[in-house]
Amino acid sequence: MLSKEKIVELISVIPDPEIPVITIAELGVIRDVIVEGENVEVKITPTYSGCPAMKQMEDDIRATLTQNGIQNLKVTLVYSPAWTTDWIPEEAKEKLRVYGIAPPEKTTEDKSG
């Protein structure tokens, strides 16, 4: 059985189906990996409700982990808290800029003034 760390390592290199210059980990959609005996659950958050790429991400996660001997696998979509571009690290934002996509800056604005 693979450890949580190894599973995270395996799925962290899966490219985003829509923007292949970054991985699903860099996009910030991998929320958690839970290993209980032979059972593995991967929790992912869609970038927006109804995101068509989520099915492909789930399929890619399943294929990667199945190829590495994990049979009892569950992929769960987590909607709360909602995904935000704040979850994309600066290095990945730079990859997006080079690719021609400028992600929004921090969404946690100070609205007090």
N, C-alpha and C. Protein backbone atom coordinates (compact mmCIF):
# COMPACT_ATOMS: atom_id res chain seq x y z
N MET A 1 0.84 -1.19 0.00
CA MET A 1 0.00 0.00 0.00
C MET A 1 0.88 1.25 0.00
N LEU A 2 0.50 2.20 -0.81
CA LEU A 2 1.25 3.44 -0.88
C LEU A 2 0.85 4.38 0.26
N SER A 3 1.80 5.19 0.70
CA SER A 3 1.53 6.16 1.75
C SER A 3 0.80 7.37 1.18
N LYS A 4 0.21 8.16 2.07
CA LYS A 4 -0.45 9.40 1.66
C LYS A 4 0.53 10.28 0.90
N GLU A 5 1.75 10.40 1.39
CA GLU A 5 2.75 11.25 0.76
C GLU A 5 3.06 10.78 -0.66
N LYS A 6 3.19 9.46 -0.84
CA LYS A 6 3.49 8.92 -2.17
C LYS A 6 2.32 9.15 -3.12
N ILE A 7 1.10 8.98 -2.63
CA ILE A 7 -0.08 9.20 -3.46
C ILE A 7 -0.14 10.67 -3.89
N VAL A 8 0.08 11.58 -2.95
CA VAL A 8 0.08 13.01 -3.28
C VAL A 8 1.16 13.28 -4.33
N GLU A 9 2.32 12.69 -4.16
CA GLU A 9 3.42 12.87 -5.12
C GLU A 9 3.00 12.38 -6.52
N LEU A 10 2.34 11.24 -6.59
CA LEU A 10 1.93 10.67 -7.88
C LEU A 10 0.90 11.56 -8.58
N ILE A 11 -0.10 12.03 -7.84
CA ILE A 11 -1.16 12.79 -8.51
C ILE A 11 -0.79 14.26 -8.71
N SER A 12 0.20 14.73 -7.98
CA SER A 12 0.59 16.14 -8.08
C SER A 12 1.20 16.51 -9.42
N VAL A 13 1.62 15.52 -10.19
CA VAL A 13 2.24 15.81 -11.49
C VAL A 13 1.25 15.70 -12.65
N ILE A 14 -0.01 15.39 -12.36
CA ILE A 14 -1.02 15.28 -13.41
C ILE A 14 -1.29 16.68 -13.97
N PRO A 15 -1.19 16.86 -15.29
CA PRO A 15 -1.43 18.19 -15.85
C PRO A 15 -2.91 18.57 -15.82
N ASP A 16 -3.16 19.85 -15.71
CA ASP A 16 -4.53 20.36 -15.80
C ASP A 16 -5.00 20.07 -17.23
N PRO A 17 -6.18 19.47 -17.39
CA PRO A 17 -6.66 19.12 -18.73
C PRO A 17 -6.87 20.33 -19.65
N GLU A 18 -7.16 21.48 -19.08
CA GLU A 18 -7.44 22.66 -19.89
C GLU A 18 -6.23 23.58 -20.05
N ILE A 19 -5.35 23.56 -19.07
CA ILE A 19 -4.15 24.41 -19.11
C ILE A 19 -2.95 23.53 -18.76
N PRO A 20 -2.42 22.79 -19.74
CA PRO A 20 -1.41 21.77 -19.45
C PRO A 20 -0.05 22.27 -18.98
N VAL A 21 0.14 23.59 -18.90
CA VAL A 21 1.42 24.10 -18.40
C VAL A 21 1.51 24.06 -16.88
N ILE A 22 0.36 23.80 -16.21
CA ILE A 22 0.39 23.63 -14.77
C ILE A 22 -0.27 22.30 -14.40
N THR A 23 0.04 21.83 -13.22
CA THR A 23 -0.53 20.56 -12.74
C THR A 23 -1.79 20.85 -11.93
N ILE A 24 -2.53 19.77 -11.66
CA ILE A 24 -3.73 19.94 -10.84
C ILE A 24 -3.35 20.36 -9.42
N ALA A 25 -2.16 19.98 -8.97
CA ALA A 25 -1.70 20.42 -7.65
C ALA A 25 -1.40 21.92 -7.68
N GLU A 26 -0.73 22.37 -8.73
CA GLU A 26 -0.43 23.80 -8.85
C GLU A 26 -1.71 24.63 -8.98
N LEU A 27 -2.72 24.05 -9.60
CA LEU A 27 -4.00 24.74 -9.73
C LEU A 27 -4.70 24.86 -8.38
N GLY A 28 -4.34 24.00 -7.45
CA GLY A 28 -4.90 24.07 -6.11
C GLY A 28 -6.18 23.28 -5.93
N VAL A 29 -6.45 22.32 -6.82
CA VAL A 29 -7.70 21.57 -6.70
C VAL A 29 -7.59 20.33 -5.81
N ILE A 30 -6.38 19.87 -5.53
CA ILE A 30 -6.23 18.71 -4.65
C ILE A 30 -6.38 19.20 -3.22
N ARG A 31 -7.42 18.72 -2.55
CA ARG A 31 -7.71 19.19 -1.20
C ARG A 31 -7.15 18.27 -0.13
N ASP A 32 -7.25 16.95 -0.35
CA ASP A 32 -6.79 16.03 0.68
C ASP A 32 -6.69 14.63 0.08
N VAL A 33 -5.87 13.83 0.71
CA VAL A 33 -5.78 12.40 0.40
C VAL A 33 -5.91 11.67 1.72
N ILE A 34 -6.83 10.73 1.77
CA ILE A 34 -7.06 9.96 2.98
C ILE A 34 -6.79 8.50 2.67
N VAL A 35 -5.93 7.88 3.46
CA VAL A 35 -5.61 6.46 3.30
C VAL A 35 -6.06 5.74 4.56
N GLU A 36 -6.96 4.79 4.38
CA GLU A 36 -7.44 3.96 5.48
C GLU A 36 -7.33 2.51 5.05
N GLY A 37 -6.28 1.85 5.51
CA GLY A 37 -6.03 0.47 5.10
C GLY A 37 -5.79 0.41 3.60
N GLU A 38 -6.62 -0.35 2.89
CA GLU A 38 -6.50 -0.49 1.44
C GLU A 38 -7.32 0.55 0.69
N ASN A 39 -8.06 1.37 1.41
CA ASN A 39 -8.94 2.37 0.78
C ASN A 39 -8.26 3.73 0.69
N VAL A 40 -8.41 4.35 -0.46
CA VAL A 40 -7.84 5.68 -0.69
C VAL A 40 -8.95 6.60 -1.17
N GLU A 41 -9.02 7.77 -0.57
CA GLU A 41 -9.95 8.80 -1.02
C GLU A 41 -9.16 10.04 -1.37
N VAL A 42 -9.39 10.56 -2.56
CA VAL A 42 -8.77 11.80 -3.00
C VAL A 42 -9.88 12.84 -3.08
N LYS A 43 -9.69 13.95 -2.39
CA LYS A 43 -10.69 15.02 -2.39
C LYS A 43 -10.18 16.15 -3.27
N ILE A 44 -11.02 16.56 -4.23
CA ILE A 44 -10.66 17.65 -5.13
C ILE A 44 -11.78 18.68 -5.16
N THR A 45 -11.39 19.92 -5.44
CA THR A 45 -12.35 21.02 -5.49
C THR A 45 -12.38 21.59 -6.90
N PRO A 46 -13.57 21.71 -7.49
CA PRO A 46 -13.65 22.31 -8.83
C PRO A 46 -13.31 23.80 -8.77
N THR A 47 -12.74 24.29 -9.85
CA THR A 47 -12.40 25.71 -9.91
C THR A 47 -13.67 26.55 -10.00
N TYR A 48 -14.75 25.96 -10.51
CA TYR A 48 -16.05 26.61 -10.48
C TYR A 48 -17.11 25.53 -10.63
N SER A 49 -18.31 25.82 -10.19
CA SER A 49 -19.40 24.86 -10.25
C SER A 49 -19.66 24.46 -11.69
N GLY A 50 -19.68 23.17 -11.96
CA GLY A 50 -19.94 22.69 -13.31
C GLY A 50 -18.71 22.64 -14.19
N CYS A 51 -17.53 22.80 -13.63
CA CYS A 51 -16.28 22.77 -14.41
C CYS A 51 -16.19 21.47 -15.20
N PRO A 52 -16.15 21.54 -16.54
CA PRO A 52 -16.13 20.32 -17.34
C PRO A 52 -14.83 19.52 -17.21
N ALA A 53 -13.78 20.13 -16.74
CA ALA A 53 -12.49 19.44 -16.62
C ALA A 53 -12.44 18.50 -15.42
N MET A 54 -13.38 18.60 -14.49
CA MET A 54 -13.33 17.77 -13.29
C MET A 54 -13.42 16.29 -13.62
N LYS A 55 -14.23 15.91 -14.59
CA LYS A 55 -14.34 14.50 -14.97
C LYS A 55 -13.00 13.99 -15.49
N GLN A 56 -12.33 14.80 -16.31
CA GLN A 56 -11.02 14.40 -16.82
C GLN A 56 -9.99 14.31 -15.69
N MET A 57 -10.04 15.26 -14.76
CA MET A 57 -9.12 15.21 -13.61
C MET A 57 -9.36 13.93 -12.81
N GLU A 58 -10.64 13.62 -12.56
CA GLU A 58 -10.96 12.40 -11.83
C GLU A 58 -10.46 11.17 -12.58
N ASP A 59 -10.68 11.12 -13.88
CA ASP A 59 -10.21 9.99 -14.69
C ASP A 59 -8.69 9.87 -14.64
N ASP A 60 -7.99 11.01 -14.70
CA ASP A 60 -6.52 11.00 -14.66
C ASP A 60 -6.01 10.54 -13.30
N ILE A 61 -6.66 10.98 -12.24
CA ILE A 61 -6.29 10.53 -10.89
C ILE A 61 -6.50 9.03 -10.78
N ARG A 62 -7.66 8.55 -11.23
CA ARG A 62 -7.95 7.11 -11.17
C ARG A 62 -6.93 6.30 -11.97
N ALA A 63 -6.63 6.75 -13.18
CA ALA A 63 -5.68 6.02 -14.03
C ALA A 63 -4.29 5.97 -13.39
N THR A 64 -3.84 7.11 -12.88
CA THR A 64 -2.51 7.18 -12.26
C THR A 64 -2.41 6.26 -11.06
N LEU A 65 -3.40 6.29 -10.19
CA LEU A 65 -3.34 5.49 -8.98
C LEU A 65 -3.58 4.01 -9.26
N THR A 66 -4.45 3.70 -10.21
CA THR A 66 -4.67 2.30 -10.59
C THR A 66 -3.38 1.70 -11.16
N GLN A 67 -2.68 2.47 -11.98
CA GLN A 67 -1.40 2.00 -12.54
C GLN A 67 -0.36 1.76 -11.46
N ASN A 68 -0.57 2.37 -10.31
CA ASN A 68 0.36 2.20 -9.19
C ASN A 68 -0.19 1.28 -8.12
N GLY A 69 -1.16 0.44 -8.49
CA GLY A 69 -1.61 -0.64 -7.62
C GLY A 69 -2.74 -0.31 -6.66
N ILE A 70 -3.34 0.87 -6.78
CA ILE A 70 -4.44 1.21 -5.88
C ILE A 70 -5.75 0.86 -6.56
N GLN A 71 -6.50 -0.05 -5.94
CA GLN A 71 -7.76 -0.53 -6.51
C GLN A 71 -8.97 0.08 -5.83
N ASN A 72 -8.91 0.25 -4.51
CA ASN A 72 -10.06 0.76 -3.75
C ASN A 72 -9.94 2.27 -3.65
N LEU A 73 -10.42 2.94 -4.68
CA LEU A 73 -10.21 4.37 -4.82
C LEU A 73 -11.53 5.12 -4.95
N LYS A 74 -11.61 6.21 -4.23
CA LYS A 74 -12.78 7.08 -4.30
C LYS A 74 -12.27 8.50 -4.54
N VAL A 75 -12.87 9.19 -5.51
CA VAL A 75 -12.57 10.59 -5.74
C VAL A 75 -13.82 11.38 -5.37
N THR A 76 -13.66 12.31 -4.44
CA THR A 76 -14.77 13.08 -3.91
C THR A 76 -14.60 14.55 -4.27
N LEU A 77 -15.68 15.15 -4.76
CA LEU A 77 -15.67 16.59 -5.04
C LEU A 77 -16.06 17.34 -3.77
N VAL A 78 -15.27 18.33 -3.41
CA VAL A 78 -15.50 19.15 -2.22
C VAL A 78 -15.78 20.57 -2.70
N TYR A 79 -16.92 21.11 -2.31
CA TYR A 79 -17.34 22.42 -2.79
C TYR A 79 -17.16 23.55 -1.78
N SER A 80 -16.87 23.20 -0.53
CA SER A 80 -16.74 24.23 0.49
C SER A 80 -15.47 24.00 1.30
N PRO A 81 -14.63 24.99 1.45
CA PRO A 81 -14.78 26.31 0.87
C PRO A 81 -14.59 26.28 -0.63
N ALA A 82 -15.17 27.26 -1.30
CA ALA A 82 -15.06 27.35 -2.75
C ALA A 82 -13.61 27.63 -3.15
N TRP A 83 -13.22 27.07 -4.30
CA TRP A 83 -11.88 27.29 -4.84
C TRP A 83 -11.66 28.77 -5.11
N THR A 84 -10.43 29.21 -4.95
CA THR A 84 -10.06 30.57 -5.25
C THR A 84 -8.67 30.59 -5.89
N THR A 85 -8.42 31.59 -6.69
CA THR A 85 -7.09 31.70 -7.33
C THR A 85 -5.99 31.92 -6.29
N ASP A 86 -6.38 32.26 -5.06
CA ASP A 86 -5.38 32.39 -4.00
C ASP A 86 -4.67 31.07 -3.73
N TRP A 87 -5.28 29.95 -4.15
CA TRP A 87 -4.70 28.64 -3.92
C TRP A 87 -3.63 28.29 -4.95
N ILE A 88 -3.44 29.14 -5.95
CA ILE A 88 -2.41 28.91 -6.96
C ILE A 88 -1.13 29.58 -6.47
N PRO A 89 -0.05 28.79 -6.28
CA PRO A 89 1.20 29.41 -5.81
C PRO A 89 1.79 30.35 -6.87
N GLU A 90 2.62 31.27 -6.42
CA GLU A 90 3.21 32.28 -7.31
C GLU A 90 3.95 31.65 -8.49
N GLU A 91 4.65 30.54 -8.26
CA GLU A 91 5.40 29.89 -9.35
C GLU A 91 4.45 29.44 -10.46
N ALA A 92 3.30 28.91 -10.06
CA ALA A 92 2.31 28.46 -11.05
C ALA A 92 1.66 29.65 -11.75
N LYS A 93 1.44 30.75 -11.00
CA LYS A 93 0.89 31.95 -11.63
C LYS A 93 1.85 32.47 -12.70
N GLU A 94 3.14 32.35 -12.44
CA GLU A 94 4.13 32.79 -13.44
C GLU A 94 4.05 31.89 -14.68
N LYS A 95 3.88 30.58 -14.49
CA LYS A 95 3.72 29.67 -15.63
C LYS A 95 2.50 30.07 -16.46
N LEU A 96 1.41 30.45 -15.77
CA LEU A 96 0.20 30.89 -16.47
C LEU A 96 0.46 32.17 -17.25
N ARG A 97 1.19 33.11 -16.64
CA ARG A 97 1.50 34.37 -17.33
C ARG A 97 2.28 34.10 -18.61
N VAL A 98 3.30 33.22 -18.52
CA VAL A 98 4.11 32.88 -19.68
C VAL A 98 3.25 32.21 -20.76
N TYR A 99 2.29 31.41 -20.33
CA TYR A 99 1.38 30.71 -21.24
C TYR A 99 0.39 31.68 -21.88
N GLY A 100 0.21 32.86 -21.28
CA GLY A 100 -0.69 33.86 -21.83
C GLY A 100 -1.95 34.06 -21.04
N ILE A 101 -1.99 33.53 -19.83
CA ILE A 101 -3.15 33.69 -18.96
C ILE A 101 -2.69 34.43 -17.71
N ALA A 102 -3.33 35.53 -17.41
CA ALA A 102 -3.00 36.29 -16.20
C ALA A 102 -4.07 36.05 -15.15
N PRO A 103 -3.76 35.22 -14.15
CA PRO A 103 -4.76 34.97 -13.10
C PRO A 103 -4.96 36.22 -12.26
N PRO A 104 -6.15 36.36 -11.69
CA PRO A 104 -6.40 37.50 -10.81
C PRO A 104 -5.45 37.47 -9.63
N GLU A 105 -5.19 38.62 -9.09
CA GLU A 105 -4.37 38.70 -7.87
C GLU A 105 -5.23 38.31 -6.68
N LYS A 106 -4.71 38.45 -5.51
CA LYS A 106 -5.40 38.05 -4.27
C LYS A 106 -6.87 38.48 -4.28
N THR A 107 -7.74 37.57 -3.86
CA THR A 107 -9.17 37.89 -3.83
C THR A 107 -9.61 38.36 -2.45
N THR A 108 -8.72 38.27 -1.49
CA THR A 108 -9.07 38.68 -0.13
C THR A 108 -8.74 40.15 0.06
N GLU A 109 -9.57 41.00 -0.56
CA GLU A 109 -9.37 42.44 -0.50
C GLU A 109 -9.84 43.01 0.83
N ASP A 110 -9.27 44.12 1.21
CA ASP A 110 -9.75 44.84 2.37
C ASP A 110 -10.89 45.75 1.92
N LYS A 111 -12.10 45.47 2.38
CA LYS A 111 -13.26 46.24 1.95
C LYS A 111 -13.72 47.20 3.04
N SER A 112 -12.84 47.49 3.99
CA SER A 112 -13.24 48.32 5.11
C SER A 112 -13.19 49.80 4.79
N GLY A 113 -12.49 50.19 3.72
CA GLY A 113 -12.30 51.60 3.52
C GLY A 113 -13.07 52.16 2.43
